[in-house]
Amino acid sequence: MTLFTGFYAPNAQAQSVTITLDYDGTTIRGCCTVCGDDYICFGGSCGCCIGTGTMTFADPVPAGNTIVGVSITYNGVDCGATTIPSSINGAPAGAAPVVTSDCSCGGCYVHTGTATFPCTGIPGYNYGGVNTLQPSPDDLVCIDDVSITFDYVPTSSFALPPIGTITGPLTGCAGGTGSYTVPLVPGATTYTWTVPGGSVITSGQGTNTICLLYTSPSPRD
C-alpha cells in the first residue's frame, strides 16, 4: 500500500517573500504614465500596446523550502479586461479579478489573484533558478508593475508521518472477500492502495479501509 504524499504537516509555519517586477517601455511611444511610471499594455489592441506581459524572475524562496501559496498583484489600469489569469512556468497561479474598470492616463488600481498548492508546490517551478510569469488577461490592461508573494514551508514538512500496520486476512478463497485497514494518518487527505494479482478492490479506494474480492486463491501481501 502507498499513501498520497500530497500534504504538509499541519503545524508547519508558512513564511513569505515578495518580489516586484517592473514593466517599462510604453512611454517611448509618447504614451502617458500609469501609477506615475512607465508601463506596458497587453491583452488587446491599442496604439500604446507593447509586449505580452511575460516576465522572468529568479527564485526568491530560500533553499530547502516548498511553495504552498502565491499571491500576484498587478498595479495599473484596466481597459476592457474583467480578469487577469496568471501562470508561472505554465502552471496556473490564480486569476486577478478587475475590481475597478478605468482606462484613464495616470490611473492606478490594484488587481490581486491568489492560488494555493498544499500538495506538491507549484508544478514545474524551478527552485534556485529562473522562472517565468505569464499574465493572460481576457482583454486589454496597462500595467506598471506586478508583485508576487510566495508562501513557503520547509520541504521536510511534506514527509509522511509513520504509517501503521495493515490489518486483514492473510489468505482468501476465490470468490471470497476481505477487508483491510491501515490506521488513520494525521493530516492525510487520501489513501492509495495497491493489491496483488488475484484480488480486486471493490470499495474503499481513497480511504483507510478497502474491501477486496479474491478472484483466485493466494496469500495476501
N, C-alpha and C. Protein backbone atom coordinates (compact mmCIF):
# COMPACT_ATOMS: atom_id res chain seq x y z
N MET A 1 0.84 -1.18 0.00
CA MET A 1 0.00 0.00 0.00
C MET A 1 0.88 1.24 0.00
N THR A 2 0.48 2.28 -0.74
CA THR A 2 1.18 3.55 -0.70
C THR A 2 0.21 4.64 -0.31
N LEU A 3 0.74 5.70 0.29
CA LEU A 3 -0.09 6.82 0.68
C LEU A 3 0.23 8.02 -0.19
N PHE A 4 -0.78 8.80 -0.48
CA PHE A 4 -0.61 10.04 -1.23
C PHE A 4 0.25 10.98 -0.39
N THR A 5 1.35 11.49 -0.97
CA THR A 5 2.27 12.33 -0.20
C THR A 5 1.91 13.79 -0.31
N GLY A 6 0.68 14.09 -0.77
CA GLY A 6 0.30 15.46 -1.05
C GLY A 6 -0.23 16.24 0.12
N PHE A 7 0.52 16.45 1.14
CA PHE A 7 0.13 17.36 2.20
C PHE A 7 1.38 17.69 2.99
N TYR A 8 1.33 18.81 3.68
CA TYR A 8 2.43 19.11 4.58
C TYR A 8 1.90 19.16 6.01
N ALA A 9 2.81 19.03 6.96
CA ALA A 9 2.41 18.94 8.36
C ALA A 9 1.56 20.14 8.75
N PRO A 10 0.41 19.90 9.41
CA PRO A 10 -0.48 20.99 9.79
C PRO A 10 0.19 22.05 10.67
N ASN A 11 1.21 21.64 11.44
CA ASN A 11 1.86 22.59 12.34
C ASN A 11 3.03 23.32 11.68
N ALA A 12 3.24 23.11 10.39
CA ALA A 12 4.31 23.80 9.69
C ALA A 12 3.95 25.28 9.53
N GLN A 13 4.84 26.16 9.93
CA GLN A 13 4.59 27.59 9.90
C GLN A 13 5.06 28.15 8.56
N ALA A 14 4.12 28.64 7.76
CA ALA A 14 4.47 29.20 6.46
C ALA A 14 5.13 30.56 6.63
N GLN A 15 6.11 30.83 5.78
CA GLN A 15 6.75 32.13 5.71
C GLN A 15 6.52 32.70 4.32
N SER A 16 6.82 33.98 4.14
CA SER A 16 6.53 34.64 2.87
C SER A 16 7.72 35.48 2.40
N VAL A 17 7.80 35.63 1.09
CA VAL A 17 8.77 36.52 0.48
C VAL A 17 8.10 37.16 -0.73
N THR A 18 8.35 38.45 -0.95
CA THR A 18 7.70 39.18 -2.04
C THR A 18 8.74 39.79 -2.97
N ILE A 19 8.47 39.70 -4.27
CA ILE A 19 9.31 40.34 -5.27
C ILE A 19 8.42 41.25 -6.12
N THR A 20 9.01 42.27 -6.72
CA THR A 20 8.29 43.19 -7.59
C THR A 20 8.98 43.23 -8.95
N LEU A 21 8.19 43.05 -10.00
CA LEU A 21 8.69 43.10 -11.37
C LEU A 21 8.13 44.37 -12.02
N ASP A 22 9.00 45.19 -12.59
CA ASP A 22 8.59 46.48 -13.13
C ASP A 22 8.53 46.42 -14.66
N TYR A 23 7.39 46.86 -15.21
CA TYR A 23 7.22 46.92 -16.65
C TYR A 23 7.67 48.29 -17.17
N ASP A 24 8.45 48.28 -18.22
CA ASP A 24 8.90 49.52 -18.85
C ASP A 24 8.76 49.41 -20.37
N GLY A 25 8.50 50.54 -21.03
CA GLY A 25 8.53 50.52 -22.48
C GLY A 25 7.53 51.38 -23.20
N THR A 26 6.35 51.63 -22.62
CA THR A 26 5.29 52.28 -23.37
C THR A 26 5.55 53.76 -23.60
N THR A 27 6.13 54.46 -22.63
CA THR A 27 6.26 55.90 -22.78
C THR A 27 7.20 56.29 -23.92
N ILE A 28 8.01 55.35 -24.39
CA ILE A 28 8.87 55.68 -25.54
C ILE A 28 8.03 55.90 -26.79
N ARG A 29 6.78 55.51 -26.74
CA ARG A 29 5.87 55.73 -27.87
C ARG A 29 5.08 57.03 -27.70
N GLY A 30 5.44 57.80 -26.71
CA GLY A 30 4.73 59.05 -26.48
C GLY A 30 3.46 58.89 -25.67
N CYS A 31 3.30 57.74 -25.02
CA CYS A 31 2.11 57.48 -24.22
C CYS A 31 2.28 58.12 -22.84
N CYS A 32 1.19 58.15 -22.09
CA CYS A 32 1.21 58.77 -20.76
C CYS A 32 1.82 57.82 -19.75
N THR A 33 1.62 58.11 -18.47
CA THR A 33 2.11 57.24 -17.41
C THR A 33 0.94 56.57 -16.70
N VAL A 34 1.22 55.44 -16.06
CA VAL A 34 0.26 54.71 -15.23
C VAL A 34 0.92 54.48 -13.88
N CYS A 35 0.20 54.75 -12.81
CA CYS A 35 0.76 54.65 -11.46
C CYS A 35 2.00 55.54 -11.35
N GLY A 36 2.01 56.63 -12.11
CA GLY A 36 3.12 57.58 -12.05
C GLY A 36 4.40 57.10 -12.67
N ASP A 37 4.33 56.07 -13.53
CA ASP A 37 5.55 55.48 -14.04
C ASP A 37 5.31 54.93 -15.45
N ASP A 38 6.39 54.45 -16.04
CA ASP A 38 6.31 53.78 -17.33
C ASP A 38 5.53 52.47 -17.16
N TYR A 39 5.05 51.90 -18.26
CA TYR A 39 4.21 50.72 -18.19
C TYR A 39 4.17 50.05 -19.56
N ILE A 40 3.46 48.94 -19.66
CA ILE A 40 3.16 48.35 -20.95
C ILE A 40 1.69 47.95 -20.98
N CYS A 41 1.12 47.93 -22.19
CA CYS A 41 -0.26 47.47 -22.38
C CYS A 41 -0.23 46.17 -23.17
N PHE A 42 -1.07 45.22 -22.78
CA PHE A 42 -1.11 43.94 -23.48
C PHE A 42 -2.47 43.29 -23.25
N GLY A 43 -2.77 42.27 -24.01
CA GLY A 43 -4.03 41.56 -23.87
C GLY A 43 -5.10 42.03 -24.83
N GLY A 44 -4.82 43.08 -25.59
CA GLY A 44 -5.80 43.60 -26.54
C GLY A 44 -5.10 44.41 -27.60
N SER A 45 -5.83 45.30 -28.23
CA SER A 45 -5.28 46.12 -29.31
C SER A 45 -5.34 47.58 -28.93
N CYS A 46 -4.21 48.29 -29.09
CA CYS A 46 -4.18 49.72 -28.79
C CYS A 46 -2.93 50.33 -29.38
N GLY A 47 -2.93 51.65 -29.53
CA GLY A 47 -1.78 52.32 -30.11
C GLY A 47 -0.56 52.28 -29.23
N CYS A 48 -0.75 52.08 -27.93
CA CYS A 48 0.37 52.06 -26.99
C CYS A 48 0.74 50.64 -26.56
N CYS A 49 0.15 49.63 -27.20
CA CYS A 49 0.42 48.25 -26.78
C CYS A 49 1.85 47.84 -27.12
N ILE A 50 2.44 47.11 -26.21
CA ILE A 50 3.79 46.62 -26.42
C ILE A 50 3.99 45.38 -25.56
N GLY A 51 4.59 44.34 -26.13
CA GLY A 51 4.91 43.14 -25.37
C GLY A 51 3.70 42.28 -25.05
N THR A 52 3.95 41.25 -24.25
CA THR A 52 2.91 40.30 -23.85
C THR A 52 2.71 40.26 -22.34
N GLY A 53 3.56 40.96 -21.60
CA GLY A 53 3.47 40.91 -20.15
C GLY A 53 4.30 39.81 -19.52
N THR A 54 4.92 38.96 -20.35
CA THR A 54 5.75 37.89 -19.81
C THR A 54 6.99 38.46 -19.14
N MET A 55 7.27 38.00 -17.93
CA MET A 55 8.44 38.45 -17.18
C MET A 55 9.17 37.24 -16.61
N THR A 56 10.48 37.32 -16.54
CA THR A 56 11.27 36.28 -15.89
C THR A 56 11.79 36.80 -14.56
N PHE A 57 11.99 35.88 -13.63
CA PHE A 57 12.48 36.27 -12.31
C PHE A 57 13.27 35.11 -11.69
N ALA A 58 14.22 35.48 -10.85
CA ALA A 58 14.99 34.48 -10.12
C ALA A 58 14.21 34.02 -8.90
N ASP A 59 14.28 32.75 -8.62
CA ASP A 59 13.57 32.19 -7.46
C ASP A 59 14.03 32.89 -6.18
N PRO A 60 13.07 33.50 -5.44
CA PRO A 60 13.44 34.19 -4.19
C PRO A 60 13.29 33.34 -2.94
N VAL A 61 12.79 32.11 -3.10
CA VAL A 61 12.49 31.27 -1.94
C VAL A 61 13.78 30.62 -1.43
N PRO A 62 14.05 30.73 -0.14
CA PRO A 62 15.27 30.12 0.41
C PRO A 62 15.33 28.62 0.12
N ALA A 63 16.53 28.13 -0.08
CA ALA A 63 16.72 26.71 -0.37
C ALA A 63 16.16 25.85 0.74
N GLY A 64 15.65 24.68 0.37
CA GLY A 64 15.12 23.75 1.35
C GLY A 64 13.66 23.96 1.67
N ASN A 65 12.98 24.82 0.88
CA ASN A 65 11.57 25.10 1.12
C ASN A 65 10.73 24.79 -0.11
N THR A 66 9.42 24.63 0.09
CA THR A 66 8.47 24.37 -0.99
C THR A 66 7.35 25.39 -0.94
N ILE A 67 7.00 25.94 -2.10
CA ILE A 67 5.95 26.95 -2.18
C ILE A 67 4.58 26.29 -2.01
N VAL A 68 3.76 26.85 -1.12
CA VAL A 68 2.42 26.31 -0.88
C VAL A 68 1.32 27.31 -1.23
N GLY A 69 1.71 28.53 -1.57
CA GLY A 69 0.72 29.54 -1.94
C GLY A 69 1.38 30.70 -2.65
N VAL A 70 0.62 31.39 -3.48
CA VAL A 70 1.15 32.54 -4.20
C VAL A 70 0.05 33.59 -4.33
N SER A 71 0.45 34.86 -4.22
CA SER A 71 -0.46 35.99 -4.43
C SER A 71 0.19 36.92 -5.45
N ILE A 72 -0.53 37.21 -6.52
CA ILE A 72 0.01 38.03 -7.60
C ILE A 72 -0.83 39.30 -7.73
N THR A 73 -0.19 40.46 -7.61
CA THR A 73 -0.88 41.74 -7.65
C THR A 73 -0.37 42.58 -8.82
N TYR A 74 -1.29 42.95 -9.70
CA TYR A 74 -0.96 43.82 -10.82
C TYR A 74 -1.40 45.25 -10.49
N ASN A 75 -0.51 46.20 -10.67
CA ASN A 75 -0.80 47.61 -10.42
C ASN A 75 -0.86 48.34 -11.76
N GLY A 76 -2.02 48.91 -12.07
CA GLY A 76 -2.18 49.58 -13.35
C GLY A 76 -3.63 49.93 -13.60
N VAL A 77 -4.00 50.01 -14.87
CA VAL A 77 -5.38 50.32 -15.23
C VAL A 77 -5.92 49.26 -16.16
N ASP A 78 -7.23 49.11 -16.12
CA ASP A 78 -7.93 48.14 -16.96
C ASP A 78 -8.58 48.88 -18.13
N CYS A 79 -8.44 48.30 -19.31
CA CYS A 79 -9.02 48.92 -20.50
C CYS A 79 -9.95 47.95 -21.21
N GLY A 80 -10.67 47.15 -20.43
CA GLY A 80 -11.62 46.21 -21.00
C GLY A 80 -11.59 44.84 -20.38
N ALA A 81 -10.50 44.47 -19.71
CA ALA A 81 -10.39 43.15 -19.10
C ALA A 81 -11.28 43.04 -17.87
N THR A 82 -11.75 41.84 -17.61
CA THR A 82 -12.51 41.57 -16.39
C THR A 82 -11.72 40.70 -15.42
N THR A 83 -10.67 40.05 -15.92
CA THR A 83 -9.84 39.20 -15.07
C THR A 83 -8.46 39.07 -15.69
N ILE A 84 -7.47 38.83 -14.84
CA ILE A 84 -6.09 38.64 -15.31
C ILE A 84 -5.59 37.31 -14.77
N PRO A 85 -5.85 36.21 -15.46
CA PRO A 85 -5.29 34.93 -15.04
C PRO A 85 -3.76 34.95 -15.20
N SER A 86 -3.09 34.25 -14.31
CA SER A 86 -1.63 34.20 -14.35
C SER A 86 -1.16 32.76 -14.34
N SER A 87 0.02 32.56 -14.89
CA SER A 87 0.67 31.25 -14.79
C SER A 87 2.15 31.47 -14.50
N ILE A 88 2.76 30.50 -13.84
CA ILE A 88 4.19 30.50 -13.60
C ILE A 88 4.75 29.23 -14.20
N ASN A 89 5.60 29.40 -15.19
CA ASN A 89 6.14 28.27 -15.94
C ASN A 89 5.03 27.40 -16.53
N GLY A 90 3.92 28.03 -16.87
CA GLY A 90 2.81 27.31 -17.47
C GLY A 90 1.82 26.74 -16.49
N ALA A 91 2.12 26.77 -15.20
CA ALA A 91 1.20 26.25 -14.18
C ALA A 91 0.27 27.36 -13.71
N PRO A 92 -1.04 27.14 -13.69
CA PRO A 92 -1.98 28.17 -13.22
C PRO A 92 -1.61 28.70 -11.84
N ALA A 93 -1.60 30.02 -11.70
CA ALA A 93 -1.20 30.64 -10.43
C ALA A 93 -2.22 31.68 -9.98
N GLY A 94 -3.49 31.41 -10.23
CA GLY A 94 -4.54 32.31 -9.77
C GLY A 94 -4.97 33.30 -10.82
N ALA A 95 -6.13 33.90 -10.62
CA ALA A 95 -6.66 34.90 -11.54
C ALA A 95 -7.04 36.14 -10.74
N ALA A 96 -6.56 37.30 -11.19
CA ALA A 96 -6.85 38.55 -10.50
C ALA A 96 -8.09 39.19 -11.10
N PRO A 97 -9.18 39.30 -10.35
CA PRO A 97 -10.37 39.97 -10.88
C PRO A 97 -10.11 41.48 -10.99
N VAL A 98 -10.67 42.10 -12.01
CA VAL A 98 -10.56 43.54 -12.18
C VAL A 98 -11.64 44.19 -11.33
N VAL A 99 -11.24 44.88 -10.29
CA VAL A 99 -12.18 45.50 -9.35
C VAL A 99 -12.69 46.82 -9.89
N THR A 100 -11.80 47.63 -10.46
CA THR A 100 -12.16 48.95 -10.98
C THR A 100 -11.79 49.03 -12.45
N SER A 101 -12.77 49.28 -13.29
CA SER A 101 -12.51 49.41 -14.72
C SER A 101 -12.31 50.88 -15.06
N ASP A 102 -11.08 51.25 -15.37
CA ASP A 102 -10.75 52.64 -15.65
C ASP A 102 -9.51 52.65 -16.53
N CYS A 103 -9.61 53.21 -17.72
CA CYS A 103 -8.51 53.21 -18.65
C CYS A 103 -7.88 54.60 -18.79
N SER A 104 -8.05 55.44 -17.78
CA SER A 104 -7.56 56.80 -17.90
C SER A 104 -6.06 56.88 -17.64
N CYS A 105 -5.40 57.82 -18.33
CA CYS A 105 -4.00 58.07 -18.08
C CYS A 105 -3.82 58.55 -16.64
N GLY A 106 -2.74 58.09 -16.03
CA GLY A 106 -2.45 58.49 -14.66
C GLY A 106 -3.19 57.69 -13.62
N GLY A 107 -4.07 56.78 -14.02
CA GLY A 107 -4.78 55.95 -13.06
C GLY A 107 -3.87 54.93 -12.41
N CYS A 108 -4.34 54.33 -11.35
CA CYS A 108 -3.55 53.30 -10.67
C CYS A 108 -4.49 52.48 -9.79
N TYR A 109 -4.67 51.21 -10.16
CA TYR A 109 -5.56 50.33 -9.42
C TYR A 109 -4.86 49.00 -9.14
N VAL A 110 -5.33 48.34 -8.10
CA VAL A 110 -4.71 47.09 -7.64
C VAL A 110 -5.60 45.92 -8.01
N HIS A 111 -5.04 44.91 -8.68
CA HIS A 111 -5.77 43.71 -9.07
C HIS A 111 -4.98 42.50 -8.56
N THR A 112 -5.57 41.75 -7.63
CA THR A 112 -4.85 40.66 -6.96
C THR A 112 -5.54 39.32 -7.16
N GLY A 113 -4.75 38.31 -7.47
CA GLY A 113 -5.22 36.93 -7.56
C GLY A 113 -4.36 36.03 -6.70
N THR A 114 -4.93 34.95 -6.19
CA THR A 114 -4.19 34.04 -5.32
C THR A 114 -4.39 32.60 -5.77
N ALA A 115 -3.47 31.75 -5.37
CA ALA A 115 -3.57 30.31 -5.62
C ALA A 115 -2.83 29.59 -4.51
N THR A 116 -3.28 28.38 -4.18
CA THR A 116 -2.62 27.58 -3.15
C THR A 116 -2.16 26.26 -3.76
N PHE A 117 -1.08 25.75 -3.20
CA PHE A 117 -0.50 24.49 -3.66
C PHE A 117 -0.13 23.65 -2.44
N PRO A 118 -1.14 23.19 -1.66
CA PRO A 118 -0.85 22.49 -0.41
C PRO A 118 -0.29 21.09 -0.60
N CYS A 119 -0.36 20.59 -1.82
CA CYS A 119 0.02 19.19 -2.03
C CYS A 119 1.44 19.03 -2.56
N THR A 120 1.77 19.74 -3.63
CA THR A 120 3.03 19.48 -4.31
C THR A 120 3.85 20.72 -4.58
N GLY A 121 3.38 21.90 -4.19
CA GLY A 121 4.05 23.12 -4.61
C GLY A 121 3.65 23.45 -6.04
N ILE A 122 4.19 24.55 -6.58
CA ILE A 122 3.86 24.94 -7.95
C ILE A 122 4.46 23.92 -8.92
N PRO A 123 3.65 23.25 -9.73
CA PRO A 123 4.20 22.27 -10.68
C PRO A 123 5.19 22.93 -11.63
N GLY A 124 6.33 22.31 -11.81
CA GLY A 124 7.31 22.79 -12.77
C GLY A 124 8.11 24.00 -12.31
N TYR A 125 7.97 24.38 -11.04
CA TYR A 125 8.72 25.55 -10.55
C TYR A 125 10.20 25.22 -10.46
N ASN A 126 11.03 26.18 -10.84
CA ASN A 126 12.48 25.97 -10.87
C ASN A 126 13.10 26.58 -9.62
N TYR A 127 13.17 25.78 -8.55
CA TYR A 127 13.76 26.26 -7.31
C TYR A 127 15.25 26.53 -7.52
N GLY A 128 15.68 27.71 -7.08
CA GLY A 128 17.08 28.07 -7.22
C GLY A 128 17.45 28.57 -8.61
N GLY A 129 16.47 28.67 -9.51
CA GLY A 129 16.75 29.08 -10.88
C GLY A 129 15.83 30.19 -11.35
N VAL A 130 15.69 30.29 -12.67
CA VAL A 130 14.89 31.34 -13.29
C VAL A 130 13.51 30.79 -13.66
N ASN A 131 12.47 31.60 -13.41
CA ASN A 131 11.10 31.21 -13.69
C ASN A 131 10.42 32.29 -14.53
N THR A 132 9.26 31.95 -15.08
CA THR A 132 8.55 32.87 -15.97
C THR A 132 7.12 33.11 -15.49
N LEU A 133 6.76 34.39 -15.38
CA LEU A 133 5.38 34.79 -15.09
C LEU A 133 4.71 35.16 -16.40
N GLN A 134 3.51 34.61 -16.63
CA GLN A 134 2.77 34.92 -17.85
C GLN A 134 1.35 35.33 -17.49
N PRO A 135 1.04 36.65 -17.54
CA PRO A 135 -0.35 37.07 -17.37
C PRO A 135 -1.11 36.89 -18.67
N SER A 136 -2.38 36.53 -18.57
CA SER A 136 -3.21 36.29 -19.75
C SER A 136 -4.57 36.96 -19.57
N PRO A 137 -4.62 38.29 -19.59
CA PRO A 137 -5.90 38.99 -19.39
C PRO A 137 -6.87 38.68 -20.51
N ASP A 138 -8.17 38.75 -20.20
CA ASP A 138 -9.18 38.45 -21.22
C ASP A 138 -9.46 39.65 -22.12
N ASP A 139 -8.78 40.76 -21.85
CA ASP A 139 -8.87 41.94 -22.71
C ASP A 139 -7.72 42.86 -22.32
N LEU A 140 -7.75 44.08 -22.78
CA LEU A 140 -6.62 45.00 -22.64
C LEU A 140 -6.42 45.48 -21.20
N VAL A 141 -5.16 45.44 -20.75
CA VAL A 141 -4.76 46.04 -19.48
C VAL A 141 -3.46 46.81 -19.71
N CYS A 142 -3.21 47.80 -18.87
CA CYS A 142 -1.96 48.56 -18.91
C CYS A 142 -1.36 48.49 -17.50
N ILE A 143 -0.20 47.86 -17.37
CA ILE A 143 0.36 47.52 -16.07
C ILE A 143 1.70 48.22 -15.86
N ASP A 144 1.85 48.82 -14.68
CA ASP A 144 3.12 49.44 -14.30
C ASP A 144 4.06 48.42 -13.69
N ASP A 145 3.55 47.63 -12.75
CA ASP A 145 4.40 46.63 -12.11
C ASP A 145 3.53 45.51 -11.54
N VAL A 146 4.17 44.43 -11.17
CA VAL A 146 3.47 43.30 -10.58
C VAL A 146 4.27 42.80 -9.39
N SER A 147 3.57 42.53 -8.28
CA SER A 147 4.21 41.99 -7.08
C SER A 147 3.77 40.54 -6.89
N ILE A 148 4.71 39.68 -6.58
CA ILE A 148 4.41 38.27 -6.35
C ILE A 148 4.86 37.91 -4.94
N THR A 149 3.92 37.45 -4.12
CA THR A 149 4.24 36.98 -2.78
C THR A 149 4.16 35.46 -2.75
N PHE A 150 5.24 34.84 -2.33
CA PHE A 150 5.31 33.39 -2.23
C PHE A 150 5.22 32.97 -0.76
N ASP A 151 4.28 32.07 -0.45
CA ASP A 151 4.21 31.45 0.87
C ASP A 151 4.90 30.10 0.78
N TYR A 152 5.77 29.80 1.73
CA TYR A 152 6.53 28.56 1.64
C TYR A 152 6.71 27.93 3.02
N VAL A 153 6.93 26.62 3.00
CA VAL A 153 7.20 25.87 4.22
C VAL A 153 8.42 24.98 3.96
N PRO A 154 9.08 24.53 5.01
CA PRO A 154 10.21 23.62 4.80
C PRO A 154 9.77 22.37 4.03
N THR A 155 10.59 21.99 3.07
CA THR A 155 10.26 20.81 2.27
C THR A 155 10.12 19.58 3.16
N SER A 156 10.86 19.56 4.25
CA SER A 156 10.78 18.42 5.18
C SER A 156 9.40 18.28 5.79
N SER A 157 8.59 19.36 5.73
CA SER A 157 7.22 19.30 6.27
C SER A 157 6.34 18.35 5.49
N PHE A 158 6.76 18.03 4.25
CA PHE A 158 5.96 17.15 3.41
C PHE A 158 6.22 15.68 3.69
N ALA A 159 7.17 15.39 4.60
CA ALA A 159 7.46 14.00 4.91
C ALA A 159 6.26 13.35 5.57
N LEU A 160 6.00 12.10 5.20
CA LEU A 160 4.88 11.38 5.79
C LEU A 160 5.18 10.97 7.23
N PRO A 161 4.20 11.05 8.10
CA PRO A 161 4.38 10.52 9.44
C PRO A 161 4.43 9.00 9.38
N PRO A 162 4.81 8.35 10.48
CA PRO A 162 4.85 6.88 10.47
C PRO A 162 3.51 6.27 10.07
N ILE A 163 3.58 5.23 9.27
CA ILE A 163 2.37 4.54 8.80
C ILE A 163 2.21 3.24 9.58
N GLY A 164 1.04 3.03 10.11
CA GLY A 164 0.79 1.84 10.91
C GLY A 164 0.70 0.57 10.08
N THR A 165 0.49 -0.54 10.75
CA THR A 165 0.43 -1.86 10.10
C THR A 165 -0.94 -2.10 9.49
N ILE A 166 -0.94 -2.64 8.28
CA ILE A 166 -2.20 -3.01 7.64
C ILE A 166 -2.73 -4.28 8.30
N THR A 167 -4.00 -4.26 8.64
CA THR A 167 -4.63 -5.44 9.23
C THR A 167 -5.68 -6.00 8.27
N GLY A 168 -5.80 -7.33 8.26
CA GLY A 168 -6.75 -8.00 7.39
C GLY A 168 -6.34 -9.45 7.19
N PRO A 169 -7.16 -10.23 6.49
CA PRO A 169 -6.87 -11.65 6.28
C PRO A 169 -5.56 -11.85 5.51
N LEU A 170 -4.80 -12.86 5.88
CA LEU A 170 -3.56 -13.17 5.18
C LEU A 170 -3.81 -14.03 3.95
N THR A 171 -4.90 -14.77 3.92
CA THR A 171 -5.24 -15.62 2.77
C THR A 171 -6.72 -15.47 2.45
N GLY A 172 -7.10 -15.92 1.26
CA GLY A 172 -8.50 -15.86 0.88
C GLY A 172 -8.82 -16.89 -0.18
N CYS A 173 -10.06 -17.27 -0.28
CA CYS A 173 -10.51 -18.23 -1.27
C CYS A 173 -11.12 -17.50 -2.46
N ALA A 174 -10.96 -18.09 -3.65
CA ALA A 174 -11.53 -17.50 -4.85
C ALA A 174 -13.03 -17.27 -4.67
N GLY A 175 -13.48 -16.05 -4.98
CA GLY A 175 -14.88 -15.71 -4.82
C GLY A 175 -15.19 -15.11 -3.46
N GLY A 176 -14.24 -15.19 -2.52
CA GLY A 176 -14.45 -14.63 -1.20
C GLY A 176 -14.08 -13.16 -1.15
N THR A 177 -14.30 -12.56 -0.01
CA THR A 177 -13.99 -11.14 0.17
C THR A 177 -13.19 -10.95 1.45
N GLY A 178 -12.56 -9.82 1.55
CA GLY A 178 -11.81 -9.49 2.76
C GLY A 178 -11.70 -7.99 2.92
N SER A 179 -11.56 -7.55 4.16
CA SER A 179 -11.45 -6.12 4.45
C SER A 179 -10.08 -5.84 5.05
N TYR A 180 -9.44 -4.74 4.59
CA TYR A 180 -8.10 -4.37 5.04
C TYR A 180 -8.11 -2.91 5.49
N THR A 181 -7.42 -2.66 6.60
CA THR A 181 -7.42 -1.33 7.20
C THR A 181 -6.02 -0.93 7.62
N VAL A 182 -5.71 0.35 7.44
CA VAL A 182 -4.49 0.93 7.98
C VAL A 182 -4.92 2.05 8.93
N PRO A 183 -4.24 2.22 10.07
CA PRO A 183 -4.62 3.30 11.00
C PRO A 183 -4.60 4.66 10.31
N LEU A 184 -5.50 5.54 10.71
CA LEU A 184 -5.56 6.88 10.14
C LEU A 184 -4.23 7.59 10.34
N VAL A 185 -3.80 8.29 9.30
CA VAL A 185 -2.55 9.05 9.34
C VAL A 185 -2.89 10.52 9.52
N PRO A 186 -2.41 11.19 10.57
CA PRO A 186 -2.74 12.60 10.80
C PRO A 186 -2.39 13.46 9.59
N GLY A 187 -3.36 14.24 9.12
CA GLY A 187 -3.12 15.15 8.02
C GLY A 187 -3.32 14.55 6.64
N ALA A 188 -3.45 13.22 6.54
CA ALA A 188 -3.61 12.60 5.24
C ALA A 188 -4.96 12.95 4.64
N THR A 189 -4.98 13.21 3.34
CA THR A 189 -6.22 13.56 2.66
C THR A 189 -6.76 12.41 1.82
N THR A 190 -5.91 11.49 1.45
CA THR A 190 -6.37 10.34 0.68
C THR A 190 -5.38 9.19 0.85
N TYR A 191 -5.86 7.99 0.60
CA TYR A 191 -5.03 6.79 0.71
C TYR A 191 -5.12 6.04 -0.62
N THR A 192 -3.97 5.67 -1.16
CA THR A 192 -3.94 4.94 -2.43
C THR A 192 -3.45 3.53 -2.17
N TRP A 193 -4.30 2.57 -2.45
CA TRP A 193 -3.97 1.16 -2.20
C TRP A 193 -3.56 0.48 -3.50
N THR A 194 -2.58 -0.41 -3.40
CA THR A 194 -2.27 -1.33 -4.50
C THR A 194 -2.37 -2.74 -3.94
N VAL A 195 -2.91 -3.65 -4.73
CA VAL A 195 -3.14 -5.01 -4.26
C VAL A 195 -2.51 -6.00 -5.23
N PRO A 196 -2.17 -7.20 -4.75
CA PRO A 196 -1.52 -8.19 -5.62
C PRO A 196 -2.51 -8.80 -6.61
N GLY A 197 -1.97 -9.47 -7.61
CA GLY A 197 -2.81 -10.17 -8.57
C GLY A 197 -3.66 -11.21 -7.88
N GLY A 198 -4.84 -11.44 -8.45
CA GLY A 198 -5.76 -12.39 -7.85
C GLY A 198 -6.73 -11.74 -6.89
N SER A 199 -6.70 -10.41 -6.82
CA SER A 199 -7.64 -9.69 -5.96
C SER A 199 -7.99 -8.36 -6.60
N VAL A 200 -9.20 -7.89 -6.32
CA VAL A 200 -9.70 -6.65 -6.90
C VAL A 200 -10.31 -5.79 -5.80
N ILE A 201 -9.99 -4.51 -5.78
CA ILE A 201 -10.61 -3.60 -4.81
C ILE A 201 -12.04 -3.32 -5.26
N THR A 202 -12.98 -3.61 -4.39
CA THR A 202 -14.39 -3.37 -4.72
C THR A 202 -14.93 -2.09 -4.09
N SER A 203 -14.30 -1.63 -3.03
CA SER A 203 -14.73 -0.37 -2.41
C SER A 203 -13.64 0.12 -1.48
N GLY A 204 -13.68 1.42 -1.20
CA GLY A 204 -12.79 1.99 -0.20
C GLY A 204 -11.53 2.66 -0.71
N GLN A 205 -11.25 2.56 -2.02
CA GLN A 205 -10.05 3.23 -2.52
C GLN A 205 -10.11 4.72 -2.18
N GLY A 206 -9.04 5.24 -1.64
CA GLY A 206 -9.02 6.63 -1.21
C GLY A 206 -9.27 6.80 0.27
N THR A 207 -9.72 5.73 0.94
CA THR A 207 -9.94 5.77 2.39
C THR A 207 -8.94 4.84 3.07
N ASN A 208 -9.00 4.76 4.40
CA ASN A 208 -8.04 3.91 5.10
C ASN A 208 -8.53 2.46 5.23
N THR A 209 -9.68 2.15 4.64
CA THR A 209 -10.19 0.77 4.66
C THR A 209 -10.71 0.39 3.28
N ILE A 210 -10.29 -0.78 2.79
CA ILE A 210 -10.77 -1.26 1.50
C ILE A 210 -11.37 -2.66 1.64
N CYS A 211 -12.24 -2.99 0.70
CA CYS A 211 -12.77 -4.34 0.59
C CYS A 211 -12.25 -4.96 -0.69
N LEU A 212 -11.84 -6.22 -0.61
CA LEU A 212 -11.30 -6.94 -1.76
C LEU A 212 -12.22 -8.09 -2.14
N LEU A 213 -12.21 -8.38 -3.45
CA LEU A 213 -12.80 -9.61 -3.96
C LEU A 213 -11.65 -10.48 -4.44
N TYR A 214 -11.55 -11.70 -3.89
CA TYR A 214 -10.48 -12.61 -4.30
C TYR A 214 -10.92 -13.33 -5.57
N THR A 215 -10.17 -13.15 -6.63
CA THR A 215 -10.50 -13.81 -7.89
C THR A 215 -9.76 -15.13 -8.05
N SER A 216 -8.75 -15.35 -7.21
CA SER A 216 -8.06 -16.62 -7.20
C SER A 216 -7.47 -16.82 -5.81
N PRO A 217 -7.30 -18.08 -5.38
CA PRO A 217 -6.77 -18.29 -4.03
C PRO A 217 -5.27 -18.01 -4.00
N SER A 218 -4.86 -17.10 -3.11
CA SER A 218 -3.44 -16.79 -2.97
C SER A 218 -3.23 -16.00 -1.69
N PRO A 219 -2.02 -16.04 -1.16
CA PRO A 219 -1.75 -15.23 0.03
C PRO A 219 -1.92 -13.76 -0.27
N ARG A 220 -2.30 -12.98 0.72
CA ARG A 220 -2.43 -11.52 0.57
C ARG A 220 -1.23 -10.86 1.23
N ASP A 221 -0.51 -10.02 0.46
CA ASP A 221 0.66 -9.31 0.99
C ASP A 221 0.30 -7.89 1.38
